[in-house]
Protein backbone atom coordinates (compact mmCIF):
# COMPACT_ATOMS: atom_id res chain seq x y z
CA MET A 1 -22.02 7.52 13.35
CA VAL A 2 -18.71 6.01 14.57
CA LEU A 3 -15.66 6.99 12.58
CA LEU A 4 -12.56 4.81 12.64
CA ASN A 5 -9.71 5.55 15.01
CA LYS A 6 -6.72 5.57 12.69
CA LYS A 7 -3.76 3.78 14.23
CA LYS A 8 -0.18 4.41 13.09
CA PHE A 9 2.69 1.94 12.82
CA ARG A 10 6.20 3.38 13.23
CA LEU A 11 9.52 1.80 12.26
CA THR A 12 13.13 2.88 11.83
CA SER A 13 15.06 1.24 9.01
CA PRO A 14 18.77 1.28 8.32
CA MET A 15 19.48 2.53 4.81
CA PRO A 16 18.16 -0.22 2.48
CA PRO A 17 19.87 -1.18 -0.78
CA SER A 18 19.00 1.23 -3.57
CA VAL A 19 17.15 -0.02 -6.65
CA ASN A 20 20.58 -0.18 -8.32
CA HIS A 21 21.68 -2.82 -5.78
CA TYR A 22 18.33 -4.55 -5.25
CA LEU A 23 18.30 -6.89 -8.24
CA GLY A 24 21.10 -8.51 -10.17
CA TYR A 25 20.76 -10.17 -13.57
CA ARG A 26 22.25 -13.34 -14.98
CA ALA A 27 22.07 -15.07 -18.33
CA VAL A 28 20.59 -18.55 -18.09
CA PRO A 29 20.98 -21.06 -20.95
CA LYS A 30 17.79 -22.56 -22.34
CA LYS A 31 17.28 -25.07 -25.14
CA LYS A 32 15.01 -23.80 -27.88
CA LYS A 33 14.45 -25.74 -31.11
CA GLY A 34 17.63 -27.75 -30.61
CA ARG A 35 19.93 -24.83 -29.93
CA THR A 36 21.00 -22.98 -26.80
CA VAL A 37 19.69 -19.47 -26.21
CA TYR A 38 20.31 -17.30 -23.19
CA ILE A 39 17.58 -15.51 -21.31
CA VAL A 40 18.18 -12.80 -18.72
CA VAL A 41 16.77 -13.65 -15.30
CA PRO A 42 16.63 -11.19 -12.37
CA TYR A 43 17.64 -12.29 -8.88
CA LEU A 44 17.74 -10.69 -5.43
CA THR A 45 21.28 -9.56 -4.56
CA LYS A 46 22.95 -10.75 -1.34
CA GLU A 47 22.79 -7.19 0.00
CA ALA A 48 19.01 -7.10 -0.60
CA ARG A 49 18.45 -10.58 0.89
CA ASP A 50 20.43 -9.68 4.02
CA TYR A 51 18.56 -6.39 4.45
CA LYS A 52 15.13 -7.99 3.95
CA GLU A 53 15.89 -10.75 6.45
CA MET A 54 17.13 -8.31 9.11
CA PHE A 55 14.39 -5.70 8.61
CA SER A 56 11.62 -8.33 8.44
CA LYS A 57 12.65 -9.78 11.83
CA TYR A 58 12.64 -6.30 13.37
CA ALA A 59 9.24 -5.49 11.81
CA ILE A 60 7.65 -8.72 13.10
CA LYS A 61 8.78 -7.81 16.62
CA GLN A 62 7.39 -4.28 16.23
CA VAL A 63 4.03 -5.56 14.95
CA LYS A 64 3.62 -7.43 18.25
CA GLU A 65 4.93 -4.59 20.44
CA GLN A 66 2.77 -1.92 18.78
CA GLY A 67 -0.33 -4.14 18.46
CA TRP A 68 -0.51 -3.55 14.71
CA ASP A 69 -3.32 -5.46 12.95
CA ILE A 70 -2.23 -6.39 9.42
CA GLU A 71 -5.78 -7.54 8.55
CA LYS A 72 -6.98 -3.92 8.57
CA THR A 73 -4.72 -3.26 5.58
CA ARG A 74 -6.59 -5.75 3.40
CA ASN A 75 -7.95 -3.99 0.29
CA ARG A 76 -7.31 -0.53 1.80
CA HIS A 77 -4.74 2.05 0.82
CA TYR A 78 -2.21 3.10 3.43
CA TYR A 79 0.43 5.84 3.43
CA MET A 80 4.03 5.03 4.15
CA ASP A 81 5.43 8.39 5.21
CA CYS A 82 9.23 8.48 5.16
CA VAL A 83 11.81 10.81 6.66
CA TYR A 84 15.26 10.11 5.24
CA TYR A 85 18.54 10.66 7.10
CA PHE A 86 21.12 10.23 4.34
CA PRO A 87 24.87 9.93 4.98
CA ARG A 88 25.60 12.08 1.88
CA ILE A 89 23.84 14.84 -0.04
CA ASP A 90 24.19 13.12 -3.45
CA MET A 91 21.66 10.36 -2.66
CA ASP A 92 18.29 10.11 -4.45
CA GLU A 93 15.39 9.21 -2.13
CA GLN A 94 13.41 7.65 -4.98
CA ASN A 95 15.93 4.80 -5.14
CA TYR A 96 15.26 3.45 -1.62
CA PRO A 97 11.59 2.60 -0.87
CA LYS A 98 11.36 -0.57 -3.05
CA CYS A 99 13.47 -2.96 -0.96
CA MET A 100 12.06 -1.57 2.29
CA SER A 101 8.47 -1.86 1.05
CA ASP A 102 9.02 -5.43 -0.18
CA ALA A 103 10.55 -6.44 3.18
CA LEU A 104 7.35 -5.33 4.96
CA ASN A 105 5.04 -7.18 2.57
CA GLY A 106 2.97 -9.71 4.53
CA ILE A 107 4.23 -8.28 7.85
CA ALA A 108 3.07 -4.66 8.13
CA TYR A 109 0.50 -4.92 5.33
CA ILE A 110 -1.15 -7.63 3.26
CA ASP A 111 0.12 -6.39 -0.11
CA ASP A 112 2.36 -3.45 -1.00
CA ASN A 113 0.27 -2.61 -4.07
CA PHE A 114 -1.99 -0.76 -1.59
CA ILE A 115 0.91 1.28 -0.14
CA LEU A 116 1.39 4.92 -1.15
CA THR A 117 4.96 5.94 -0.36
CA ARG A 118 5.52 9.61 0.49
CA THR A 119 8.74 11.43 1.32
CA ASN A 120 8.06 14.02 4.01
CA ARG A 121 11.56 15.29 4.64
CA ILE A 122 15.25 14.68 3.97
CA TYR A 123 18.05 15.26 6.47
CA TYR A 124 21.73 14.38 6.40
CA ASP A 125 23.23 12.36 9.24
CA LYS A 126 26.62 10.85 8.47
CA LYS A 127 26.82 9.11 11.86
CA ASN A 128 23.37 7.48 11.86
CA PRO A 129 21.87 7.13 8.35
CA ARG A 130 18.33 5.73 8.49
CA ILE A 131 14.74 6.03 7.35
CA GLU A 132 12.00 6.73 9.87
CA LEU A 133 8.68 5.58 8.52
CA GLU A 134 5.09 5.72 9.62
CA ILE A 135 2.32 3.63 8.10
CA SER A 136 -1.20 5.03 8.44
CA GLU A 137 -4.56 4.62 6.77
CA VAL A 138 -5.49 7.11 4.06
CA ASP A 139 -8.51 9.35 4.66
CA TYR A 140 -10.27 8.39 1.45
CA MET A 141 -12.17 5.13 1.02
CA GLY A 142 -12.53 4.00 -2.58
CA ILE A 143 -13.97 6.94 -4.54
CA PHE A 144 -15.14 8.66 -1.35
CA ASP A 145 -13.09 11.48 0.17
CA ASN A 146 -13.61 10.25 3.72
CA GLU A 147 -15.48 7.72 5.84
CA LYS A 148 -18.40 10.12 6.49
CA GLU A 149 -19.03 10.48 2.73
CA LEU A 150 -18.94 6.68 2.30
CA ILE A 151 -21.39 6.10 5.17
CA GLU A 152 -23.84 8.67 3.72
CA PHE A 153 -23.66 7.00 0.28
CA GLU A 154 -24.03 3.54 1.83
CA ASN A 155 -27.06 4.62 3.89
CA LYS A 156 -28.74 5.96 0.76
CA CYS A 157 -27.91 2.67 -1.04
CA LYS A 158 -29.80 0.75 1.62
CA THR A 159 -32.98 2.59 0.62
CA CYS A 160 -32.59 1.62 -3.07
CA THR A 161 -34.40 -1.27 -4.77
CA ARG A 162 -31.09 -2.46 -6.27
CA HIS A 163 -29.49 -2.95 -2.82
CA LYS A 164 -31.50 -6.09 -2.01
CA ARG A 165 -30.44 -7.58 -5.35
CA ASN A 166 -26.74 -7.24 -4.46
CA CYS A 167 -26.07 -4.16 -6.58
CA SER A 168 -22.37 -4.04 -7.54
CA ILE A 169 -22.18 -0.24 -7.78
CA LEU A 170 -21.39 0.27 -4.07
CA LYS A 171 -18.84 -2.57 -4.03
CA LYS A 172 -17.00 -1.12 -7.03
CA ALA A 173 -17.12 2.39 -5.55
CA LYS A 174 -15.51 1.08 -2.34
CA GLU A 175 -12.76 -0.48 -4.49
CA GLY A 176 -12.07 2.94 -6.05
CA ARG A 177 -13.46 2.06 -9.47
CA ILE A 178 -14.77 4.96 -11.54
CA GLN A 179 -18.23 4.13 -12.93
CA GLU A 180 -20.58 6.01 -15.22
CA GLU A 181 -23.42 5.17 -12.78
CA ILE A 182 -21.94 7.59 -10.21
CA ASP A 183 -21.60 11.25 -11.17
CA GLU A 184 -18.92 13.74 -10.03
CA SER A 185 -21.07 14.76 -7.04
CA LYS A 186 -21.11 11.08 -6.03
CA ASN A 187 -24.80 10.57 -6.74
CA CYS A 188 -25.87 7.23 -8.17
CA ASN A 189 -27.99 7.71 -11.31
CA LYS A 190 -29.37 4.15 -10.93
CA PHE A 191 -30.92 4.97 -7.55
CA SER A 192 -34.57 3.96 -7.20
CA ARG A 193 -36.10 4.43 -3.76
CA ILE A 194 -37.87 1.47 -2.18
CA LYS A 195 -41.58 2.21 -2.06
CA LYS A 196 -43.03 2.05 1.43
CA GLU A 197 -45.72 -0.54 1.94
CA ARG A 198 -49.16 0.77 2.89
């Protein structure tokens, strides 16, 4: 059994715009039934656009230098572990990952809906505020706690009559979907062993 070698991707970001400075809102006139109504439309602020452009260029360069393969992030969860170096103690770390995560979308990972952001530590550095981040694959795979557990389940699936008929239970389990066909011990109650030919 060959288990995956989990590669890590490391970046250092300047302090991104907080969620309070990420989006702006404007009222846009719209004709409705002969009269003008205003709808509120969000837009990316200049500060957020500038940050995303700068950080994206840096990340593209780092992808090449570190040999990071974005394709491996397809349909898999990854951690984004962050260490914050704030210039002041009154800053809230939960306000900063959004713009940074969006800037890396399509560069460090296929889609940020598979990214689990974690704060590992907070320091204060007035002279060099930044965020050091590390992107790495999670240990779990779908509903399975680790790759070994998945491989064991998959091997048992291959001996089931449903496997040859493209059973969807394994596919859904790999996607992390909870199903009544799989119990808490991760045994499939639809399992029916292939009978050996005589």
